[in-house]
N, C-alpha and C. Protein backbone atom coordinates (compact mmCIF):
# COMPACT_ATOMS: atom_id res chain seq x y z
N MET A 1 161.65 88.82 131.52
CA MET A 1 160.31 88.25 131.57
C MET A 1 159.25 89.37 131.53
N ASP A 2 159.51 90.44 132.26
CA ASP A 2 158.54 91.55 132.28
C ASP A 2 158.33 92.15 130.90
N ARG A 3 159.40 92.28 130.13
CA ARG A 3 159.28 92.84 128.78
C ARG A 3 158.47 91.91 127.88
N LEU A 4 158.72 90.61 128.00
CA LEU A 4 157.96 89.64 127.20
C LEU A 4 156.48 89.71 127.53
N LEU A 5 156.16 89.71 128.80
CA LEU A 5 154.75 89.77 129.21
C LEU A 5 154.10 91.08 128.79
N ALA A 6 154.84 92.17 128.86
CA ALA A 6 154.31 93.47 128.43
C ALA A 6 154.01 93.45 126.93
N LYS A 7 154.87 92.79 126.15
CA LYS A 7 154.64 92.68 124.70
C LYS A 7 153.44 91.78 124.39
N LEU A 8 153.28 90.72 125.19
CA LEU A 8 152.20 89.77 124.95
C LEU A 8 150.84 90.27 125.44
N ARG A 9 150.83 91.17 126.41
CA ARG A 9 149.59 91.60 127.06
C ARG A 9 148.51 92.04 126.06
N PRO A 10 148.79 92.91 125.08
CA PRO A 10 147.72 93.30 124.14
C PRO A 10 147.17 92.12 123.34
N THR A 11 148.04 91.21 122.94
CA THR A 11 147.60 90.03 122.19
C THR A 11 146.71 89.15 123.06
N VAL A 12 147.15 88.91 124.27
CA VAL A 12 146.38 88.08 125.21
C VAL A 12 145.04 88.74 125.51
N MET A 13 145.04 90.04 125.70
CA MET A 13 143.79 90.76 125.99
C MET A 13 142.82 90.63 124.82
N ARG A 14 143.34 90.77 123.58
CA ARG A 14 142.46 90.61 122.40
C ARG A 14 141.87 89.22 122.35
N ARG A 15 142.68 88.21 122.62
CA ARG A 15 142.19 86.84 122.58
C ARG A 15 141.11 86.64 123.63
N CYS A 16 141.36 87.11 124.84
CA CYS A 16 140.38 86.94 125.91
C CYS A 16 139.10 87.72 125.62
N SER A 17 139.25 88.88 124.97
CA SER A 17 138.08 89.70 124.63
C SER A 17 137.19 89.04 123.59
N ARG A 18 137.73 88.14 122.82
CA ARG A 18 136.91 87.41 121.85
C ARG A 18 135.89 86.53 122.57
N PHE A 19 136.25 86.04 123.73
CA PHE A 19 135.36 85.21 124.55
C PHE A 19 134.55 86.07 125.50
N LEU A 20 135.20 87.05 126.08
CA LEU A 20 134.62 87.84 127.16
C LEU A 20 134.66 89.31 126.79
N PRO A 21 133.66 89.82 126.07
CA PRO A 21 133.72 91.19 125.58
C PRO A 21 133.67 92.26 126.66
N HIS A 22 133.20 91.94 127.85
CA HIS A 22 133.20 92.93 128.93
C HIS A 22 134.64 93.06 129.42
N HIS A 23 135.14 94.29 129.46
CA HIS A 23 136.56 94.54 129.73
C HIS A 23 137.04 93.91 131.05
N ALA A 24 136.27 94.03 132.10
CA ALA A 24 136.70 93.48 133.39
C ALA A 24 136.84 91.96 133.34
N ASP A 25 135.93 91.31 132.63
CA ASP A 25 136.01 89.85 132.48
C ASP A 25 137.27 89.47 131.70
N ALA A 26 137.49 90.15 130.58
CA ALA A 26 138.65 89.86 129.74
C ALA A 26 139.95 90.16 130.50
N GLU A 27 139.95 91.21 131.27
CA GLU A 27 141.14 91.58 132.06
C GLU A 27 141.47 90.49 133.07
N GLU A 28 140.47 89.97 133.74
CA GLU A 28 140.68 88.88 134.70
C GLU A 28 141.28 87.66 134.01
N ALA A 29 140.72 87.30 132.87
CA ALA A 29 141.23 86.15 132.12
C ALA A 29 142.64 86.41 131.61
N ALA A 30 142.90 87.61 131.12
CA ALA A 30 144.23 87.95 130.61
C ALA A 30 145.28 87.87 131.70
N GLN A 31 144.95 88.32 132.90
CA GLN A 31 145.90 88.23 134.02
C GLN A 31 146.21 86.76 134.34
N ASP A 32 145.18 85.94 134.33
CA ASP A 32 145.40 84.51 134.57
C ASP A 32 146.27 83.90 133.47
N ALA A 33 146.02 84.29 132.23
CA ALA A 33 146.79 83.77 131.11
C ALA A 33 148.25 84.19 131.20
N LEU A 34 148.49 85.46 131.49
CA LEU A 34 149.87 85.95 131.59
C LEU A 34 150.61 85.27 132.74
N LEU A 35 149.94 85.03 133.83
CA LEU A 35 150.55 84.31 134.94
C LEU A 35 150.91 82.90 134.51
N SER A 36 150.00 82.26 133.80
CA SER A 36 150.26 80.91 133.31
C SER A 36 151.42 80.88 132.32
N ILE A 37 151.47 81.86 131.44
CA ILE A 37 152.57 81.94 130.47
C ILE A 37 153.89 82.08 131.20
N SER A 38 153.93 82.95 132.21
CA SER A 38 155.20 83.18 132.92
C SER A 38 155.64 81.95 133.70
N THR A 39 154.70 81.21 134.26
CA THR A 39 155.08 80.05 135.06
C THR A 39 155.35 78.81 134.23
N HIS A 40 154.85 78.78 133.00
CA HIS A 40 155.01 77.59 132.16
C HIS A 40 155.86 77.85 130.92
N LEU A 41 156.52 78.98 130.86
CA LEU A 41 157.31 79.32 129.68
C LEU A 41 158.34 78.25 129.35
N GLN A 42 158.95 77.68 130.36
CA GLN A 42 159.97 76.65 130.12
C GLN A 42 159.37 75.38 129.51
N GLU A 43 158.07 75.23 129.57
CA GLU A 43 157.40 74.06 129.01
C GLU A 43 157.07 74.21 127.53
N TYR A 44 157.23 75.43 126.98
CA TYR A 44 156.98 75.61 125.56
C TYR A 44 158.00 74.77 124.81
N SER A 45 157.49 73.85 124.01
CA SER A 45 158.35 72.85 123.38
C SER A 45 158.88 73.27 122.01
N GLY A 46 158.35 74.35 121.47
CA GLY A 46 158.75 74.75 120.13
C GLY A 46 157.89 74.11 119.06
N ARG A 47 157.01 73.20 119.44
CA ARG A 47 156.07 72.59 118.49
C ARG A 47 154.98 73.62 118.18
N GLY A 48 154.88 74.01 116.96
CA GLY A 48 153.94 75.06 116.59
C GLY A 48 154.53 76.42 116.92
N SER A 49 153.78 77.44 116.59
CA SER A 49 154.28 78.80 116.81
C SER A 49 154.11 79.21 118.27
N PHE A 50 154.94 80.13 118.71
CA PHE A 50 154.84 80.65 120.06
C PHE A 50 153.50 81.38 120.23
N LEU A 51 153.10 82.14 119.20
CA LEU A 51 151.82 82.84 119.25
C LEU A 51 150.67 81.85 119.39
N GLY A 52 150.76 80.72 118.73
CA GLY A 52 149.73 79.69 118.87
C GLY A 52 149.66 79.16 120.29
N TRP A 53 150.83 78.94 120.89
CA TRP A 53 150.89 78.47 122.28
C TRP A 53 150.25 79.50 123.21
N VAL A 54 150.55 80.77 122.98
CA VAL A 54 149.97 81.85 123.78
C VAL A 54 148.45 81.89 123.58
N THR A 55 147.99 81.68 122.35
CA THR A 55 146.56 81.69 122.04
C THR A 55 145.83 80.57 122.79
N VAL A 56 146.43 79.40 122.82
CA VAL A 56 145.83 78.28 123.55
C VAL A 56 145.68 78.64 125.03
N ILE A 57 146.73 79.18 125.62
CA ILE A 57 146.68 79.55 127.03
C ILE A 57 145.63 80.63 127.28
N ALA A 58 145.60 81.66 126.43
CA ALA A 58 144.63 82.74 126.60
C ALA A 58 143.20 82.23 126.44
N SER A 59 142.99 81.37 125.46
CA SER A 59 141.65 80.80 125.23
C SER A 59 141.20 79.97 126.43
N ASN A 60 142.09 79.15 126.93
CA ASN A 60 141.76 78.33 128.10
C ASN A 60 141.49 79.19 129.32
N ALA A 61 142.27 80.25 129.50
CA ALA A 61 142.05 81.15 130.64
C ALA A 61 140.70 81.85 130.54
N ALA A 62 140.34 82.29 129.34
CA ALA A 62 139.05 82.95 129.15
C ALA A 62 137.89 82.00 129.43
N ARG A 63 138.01 80.78 128.97
CA ARG A 63 136.95 79.80 129.21
C ARG A 63 136.86 79.45 130.69
N ALA A 64 138.01 79.36 131.36
CA ALA A 64 138.01 79.07 132.80
C ALA A 64 137.41 80.23 133.59
N THR A 65 137.70 81.45 133.17
CA THR A 65 137.13 82.63 133.83
C THR A 65 135.61 82.62 133.68
N TYR A 66 135.15 82.30 132.49
CA TYR A 66 133.71 82.23 132.26
C TYR A 66 133.06 81.19 133.17
N ARG A 67 133.67 80.00 133.23
CA ARG A 67 133.10 78.94 134.07
C ARG A 67 133.06 79.36 135.54
N SER A 68 134.10 80.03 135.98
CA SER A 68 134.16 80.52 137.36
C SER A 68 133.07 81.56 137.61
N MET A 69 132.90 82.49 136.67
CA MET A 69 131.86 83.50 136.81
C MET A 69 130.48 82.86 136.84
N ARG A 70 130.31 81.87 136.01
CA ARG A 70 129.02 81.19 135.95
C ARG A 70 128.70 80.50 137.28
N ARG A 71 129.71 79.82 137.85
CA ARG A 71 129.49 79.16 139.15
C ARG A 71 129.15 80.18 140.23
N ARG A 72 129.88 81.31 140.23
CA ARG A 72 129.60 82.35 141.24
C ARG A 72 128.19 82.89 141.08
N ALA A 73 127.77 83.09 139.84
CA ALA A 73 126.42 83.61 139.59
C ALA A 73 125.37 82.61 140.05
N GLU A 74 125.60 81.33 139.77
CA GLU A 74 124.65 80.31 140.19
C GLU A 74 124.60 80.20 141.71
N ASP A 75 125.77 80.29 142.35
CA ASP A 75 125.83 80.20 143.81
C ASP A 75 125.14 81.38 144.49
N SER A 76 125.23 82.56 143.86
CA SER A 76 124.63 83.75 144.46
C SER A 76 123.17 83.92 144.05
N HIS A 77 122.72 83.09 143.12
CA HIS A 77 121.35 83.19 142.60
C HIS A 77 121.07 84.60 142.06
N ALA A 78 122.05 85.13 141.37
CA ALA A 78 121.92 86.48 140.81
C ALA A 78 120.81 86.53 139.78
N VAL A 79 120.18 87.67 139.69
CA VAL A 79 119.07 87.88 138.78
C VAL A 79 119.40 89.06 137.88
N LEU A 80 119.10 88.91 136.59
CA LEU A 80 119.33 90.00 135.65
C LEU A 80 118.29 91.09 135.84
N THR A 81 118.71 92.33 135.63
CA THR A 81 117.77 93.43 135.71
C THR A 81 116.91 93.43 134.46
N GLU A 82 115.78 94.12 134.52
CA GLU A 82 114.88 94.17 133.37
C GLU A 82 115.54 94.87 132.20
N GLY A 83 115.18 94.44 130.99
CA GLY A 83 115.70 95.05 129.78
C GLY A 83 117.02 94.45 129.32
N VAL A 84 117.56 93.50 130.07
CA VAL A 84 118.83 92.87 129.70
C VAL A 84 118.53 91.50 129.13
N ASP A 85 119.11 91.20 127.98
CA ASP A 85 118.90 89.90 127.34
C ASP A 85 119.76 88.85 128.04
N PRO A 86 119.15 87.88 128.73
CA PRO A 86 119.93 86.90 129.49
C PRO A 86 120.75 85.97 128.61
N ARG A 87 120.44 85.90 127.30
CA ARG A 87 121.23 85.04 126.42
C ARG A 87 122.56 85.67 126.05
N THR A 88 122.66 86.97 126.16
CA THR A 88 123.88 87.63 125.71
C THR A 88 124.58 88.45 126.79
N THR A 89 124.03 88.52 127.96
CA THR A 89 124.64 89.31 129.01
C THR A 89 124.78 88.50 130.28
N SER A 90 125.95 88.54 130.85
CA SER A 90 126.23 87.80 132.08
C SER A 90 125.60 88.50 133.26
N VAL A 91 125.22 87.73 134.26
CA VAL A 91 124.74 88.32 135.49
C VAL A 91 125.90 88.91 136.27
N ILE A 92 127.12 88.53 135.96
CA ILE A 92 128.29 89.08 136.60
C ILE A 92 128.76 90.33 135.86
N ALA A 93 128.80 90.27 134.55
CA ALA A 93 129.27 91.40 133.75
C ALA A 93 128.71 91.25 132.34
N GLY A 94 129.48 91.50 131.34
CA GLY A 94 128.96 91.52 129.98
C GLY A 94 129.35 90.33 129.14
N THR A 95 129.59 89.20 129.72
CA THR A 95 130.04 88.03 128.99
C THR A 95 128.98 87.54 128.01
N ARG A 96 129.44 87.08 126.86
CA ARG A 96 128.55 86.54 125.85
C ARG A 96 128.08 85.16 126.27
N LEU A 97 126.99 85.09 126.99
CA LEU A 97 126.49 83.81 127.46
C LEU A 97 126.10 82.89 126.32
N ASP A 98 125.53 83.44 125.26
CA ASP A 98 125.11 82.59 124.15
C ASP A 98 126.31 81.87 123.54
N LEU A 99 127.39 82.57 123.32
CA LEU A 99 128.59 81.98 122.75
C LEU A 99 129.21 80.98 123.73
N MET A 100 129.34 81.37 124.97
CA MET A 100 129.98 80.50 125.96
C MET A 100 129.16 79.25 126.23
N GLU A 101 127.86 79.38 126.28
CA GLU A 101 127.00 78.21 126.48
C GLU A 101 127.10 77.27 125.28
N SER A 102 127.16 77.83 124.09
CA SER A 102 127.30 77.01 122.89
C SER A 102 128.65 76.30 122.86
N LEU A 103 129.71 77.00 123.28
CA LEU A 103 131.02 76.36 123.37
C LEU A 103 131.02 75.23 124.38
N ALA A 104 130.35 75.44 125.51
CA ALA A 104 130.26 74.39 126.53
C ALA A 104 129.52 73.18 125.97
N ALA A 105 128.45 73.42 125.22
CA ALA A 105 127.69 72.31 124.62
C ALA A 105 128.54 71.59 123.57
N LEU A 106 129.30 72.34 122.78
CA LEU A 106 130.18 71.73 121.79
C LEU A 106 131.23 70.87 122.48
N GLU A 107 131.78 71.37 123.56
CA GLU A 107 132.80 70.62 124.30
C GLU A 107 132.22 69.34 124.90
N GLU A 108 130.99 69.42 125.34
CA GLU A 108 130.34 68.25 125.94
C GLU A 108 130.00 67.20 124.88
N ARG A 109 129.47 67.64 123.75
CA ARG A 109 129.00 66.69 122.73
C ARG A 109 130.08 66.27 121.73
N HIS A 110 130.98 67.18 121.42
CA HIS A 110 132.01 66.91 120.40
C HIS A 110 133.36 67.46 120.87
N PRO A 111 133.94 66.89 121.89
CA PRO A 111 135.17 67.47 122.46
C PRO A 111 136.33 67.57 121.48
N ALA A 112 136.40 66.71 120.50
CA ALA A 112 137.51 66.74 119.54
C ALA A 112 137.45 67.96 118.63
N LEU A 113 136.30 68.63 118.55
CA LEU A 113 136.14 69.77 117.64
C LEU A 113 136.52 71.10 118.28
N VAL A 114 136.50 71.17 119.60
CA VAL A 114 136.61 72.45 120.29
C VAL A 114 137.93 73.16 120.05
N GLU A 115 139.05 72.49 120.24
CA GLU A 115 140.34 73.16 120.17
C GLU A 115 140.57 73.78 118.79
N SER A 116 140.32 73.04 117.73
CA SER A 116 140.51 73.57 116.39
C SER A 116 139.61 74.78 116.13
N PHE A 117 138.36 74.67 116.53
CA PHE A 117 137.41 75.77 116.34
C PHE A 117 137.84 77.02 117.10
N VAL A 118 138.20 76.85 118.36
CA VAL A 118 138.60 77.99 119.18
C VAL A 118 139.84 78.66 118.61
N LEU A 119 140.83 77.87 118.23
CA LEU A 119 142.06 78.45 117.70
C LEU A 119 141.83 79.18 116.38
N ARG A 120 140.98 78.64 115.52
CA ARG A 120 140.76 79.26 114.20
C ARG A 120 139.79 80.43 114.27
N ASP A 121 138.63 80.21 114.82
CA ASP A 121 137.59 81.23 114.74
C ASP A 121 137.63 82.25 115.87
N LEU A 122 138.12 81.88 117.02
CA LEU A 122 138.21 82.84 118.12
C LEU A 122 139.64 83.30 118.34
N GLY A 123 140.59 82.47 117.95
CA GLY A 123 141.99 82.82 118.11
C GLY A 123 142.60 83.42 116.87
N ASP A 124 141.87 83.42 115.76
CA ASP A 124 142.32 84.01 114.49
C ASP A 124 143.61 83.40 113.95
N LEU A 125 143.88 82.15 114.26
CA LEU A 125 145.05 81.49 113.69
C LEU A 125 144.68 80.91 112.33
N THR A 126 145.68 80.69 111.50
CA THR A 126 145.43 80.09 110.19
C THR A 126 145.19 78.59 110.37
N TYR A 127 144.65 77.98 109.33
CA TYR A 127 144.44 76.53 109.38
C TYR A 127 145.77 75.81 109.60
N LEU A 128 146.81 76.27 108.94
CA LEU A 128 148.13 75.63 109.10
C LEU A 128 148.64 75.75 110.54
N GLN A 129 148.46 76.91 111.14
CA GLN A 129 148.89 77.09 112.53
C GLN A 129 148.09 76.16 113.45
N VAL A 130 146.81 76.03 113.22
CA VAL A 130 145.97 75.15 114.02
C VAL A 130 146.46 73.71 113.87
N ALA A 131 146.77 73.31 112.65
CA ALA A 131 147.27 71.95 112.41
C ALA A 131 148.59 71.73 113.15
N GLU A 132 149.47 72.72 113.14
CA GLU A 132 150.73 72.59 113.86
C GLU A 132 150.51 72.42 115.36
N ILE A 133 149.65 73.23 115.90
CA ILE A 133 149.41 73.21 117.36
C ILE A 133 148.74 71.92 117.79
N THR A 134 147.75 71.49 117.02
CA THR A 134 146.99 70.29 117.42
C THR A 134 147.68 69.00 117.01
N GLY A 135 148.59 69.09 116.05
CA GLY A 135 149.27 67.89 115.56
C GLY A 135 148.39 67.05 114.64
N ALA A 136 147.31 67.64 114.16
CA ALA A 136 146.38 66.93 113.28
C ALA A 136 146.67 67.32 111.82
N PRO A 137 146.37 66.42 110.89
CA PRO A 137 146.53 66.77 109.47
C PRO A 137 145.62 67.94 109.10
N LEU A 138 146.05 68.71 108.12
CA LEU A 138 145.31 69.90 107.70
C LEU A 138 143.86 69.56 107.32
N GLY A 139 143.64 68.48 106.59
CA GLY A 139 142.28 68.09 106.22
C GLY A 139 141.40 67.80 107.42
N THR A 140 141.98 67.17 108.42
CA THR A 140 141.25 66.87 109.66
C THR A 140 140.87 68.16 110.37
N VAL A 141 141.81 69.09 110.43
CA VAL A 141 141.55 70.38 111.07
C VAL A 141 140.41 71.10 110.37
N LYS A 142 140.46 71.15 109.05
CA LYS A 142 139.39 71.83 108.30
C LYS A 142 138.04 71.17 108.53
N ASP A 143 138.01 69.83 108.58
CA ASP A 143 136.76 69.12 108.83
C ASP A 143 136.23 69.41 110.23
N ARG A 144 137.11 69.40 111.21
CA ARG A 144 136.69 69.69 112.59
C ARG A 144 136.10 71.09 112.70
N ILE A 145 136.76 72.04 112.08
CA ILE A 145 136.28 73.43 112.12
C ILE A 145 134.93 73.55 111.42
N HIS A 146 134.79 72.88 110.29
CA HIS A 146 133.52 72.90 109.56
C HIS A 146 132.39 72.33 110.42
N GLN A 147 132.64 71.17 111.04
CA GLN A 147 131.62 70.56 111.90
C GLN A 147 131.29 71.45 113.09
N ALA A 148 132.31 72.04 113.69
CA ALA A 148 132.09 72.91 114.85
C ALA A 148 131.29 74.15 114.44
N ARG A 149 131.62 74.72 113.30
CA ARG A 149 130.87 75.90 112.82
C ARG A 149 129.41 75.56 112.60
N ARG A 150 129.15 74.40 112.02
CA ARG A 150 127.77 73.99 111.78
C ARG A 150 127.02 73.84 113.12
N PHE A 151 127.66 73.21 114.09
CA PHE A 151 127.06 73.04 115.41
C PHE A 151 126.78 74.40 116.05
N MET A 152 127.77 75.28 116.00
CA MET A 152 127.61 76.61 116.62
C MET A 152 126.53 77.42 115.90
N ARG A 153 126.51 77.35 114.60
CA ARG A 153 125.50 78.08 113.82
C ARG A 153 124.09 77.62 114.22
N ASP A 154 123.92 76.30 114.35
CA ASP A 154 122.62 75.77 114.78
C ASP A 154 122.25 76.24 116.17
N ARG A 155 123.24 76.23 117.08
CA ARG A 155 122.99 76.65 118.46
C ARG A 155 122.70 78.14 118.58
N LEU A 156 123.38 78.93 117.75
CA LEU A 156 123.26 80.40 117.86
C LEU A 156 122.22 80.96 116.90
N GLY A 157 121.50 80.10 116.22
CA GLY A 157 120.45 80.56 115.33
C GLY A 157 120.95 81.25 114.07
N GLY A 158 122.08 80.79 113.56
CA GLY A 158 122.59 81.35 112.31
C GLY A 158 123.37 82.63 112.47
N GLY A 159 123.53 83.11 113.70
CA GLY A 159 124.22 84.39 113.91
C GLY A 159 125.73 84.28 114.02
N PHE A 160 126.28 83.10 113.87
CA PHE A 160 127.73 82.97 114.01
C PHE A 160 128.39 82.89 112.67
């Protein structure tokens, strides 16, 4: 198990870093993801690729870490120092607030689009891999990703 987790660690860290570019944030999420992988390995059903399964877990861990950081920041009433852009910098660390807030809005308004978008654009999986993991037809996956990209582009001001 230790060898498997050691091999997966760089991949998981890269996935988490796509959501949480500040190293400490990504490290926290990666540790949570690796723990989840080790405790749920027997639940991997073989449906879709193993890398896709790992990507889903890492993506979910990164999003959960962000939500936890956000709650802690709100509870502490933390304030950003001057010169820091509050849309792109976390009060806890360097998390991409603009991206994470847009993902949260996408999840709230169009929950069916989130998984495909995250796996393709943040997880770097192919359309076919996304279709395998989600169990959706390839055309449906492409449509979901297109709609999610349009939503995110509008939210992020064309910068995505």
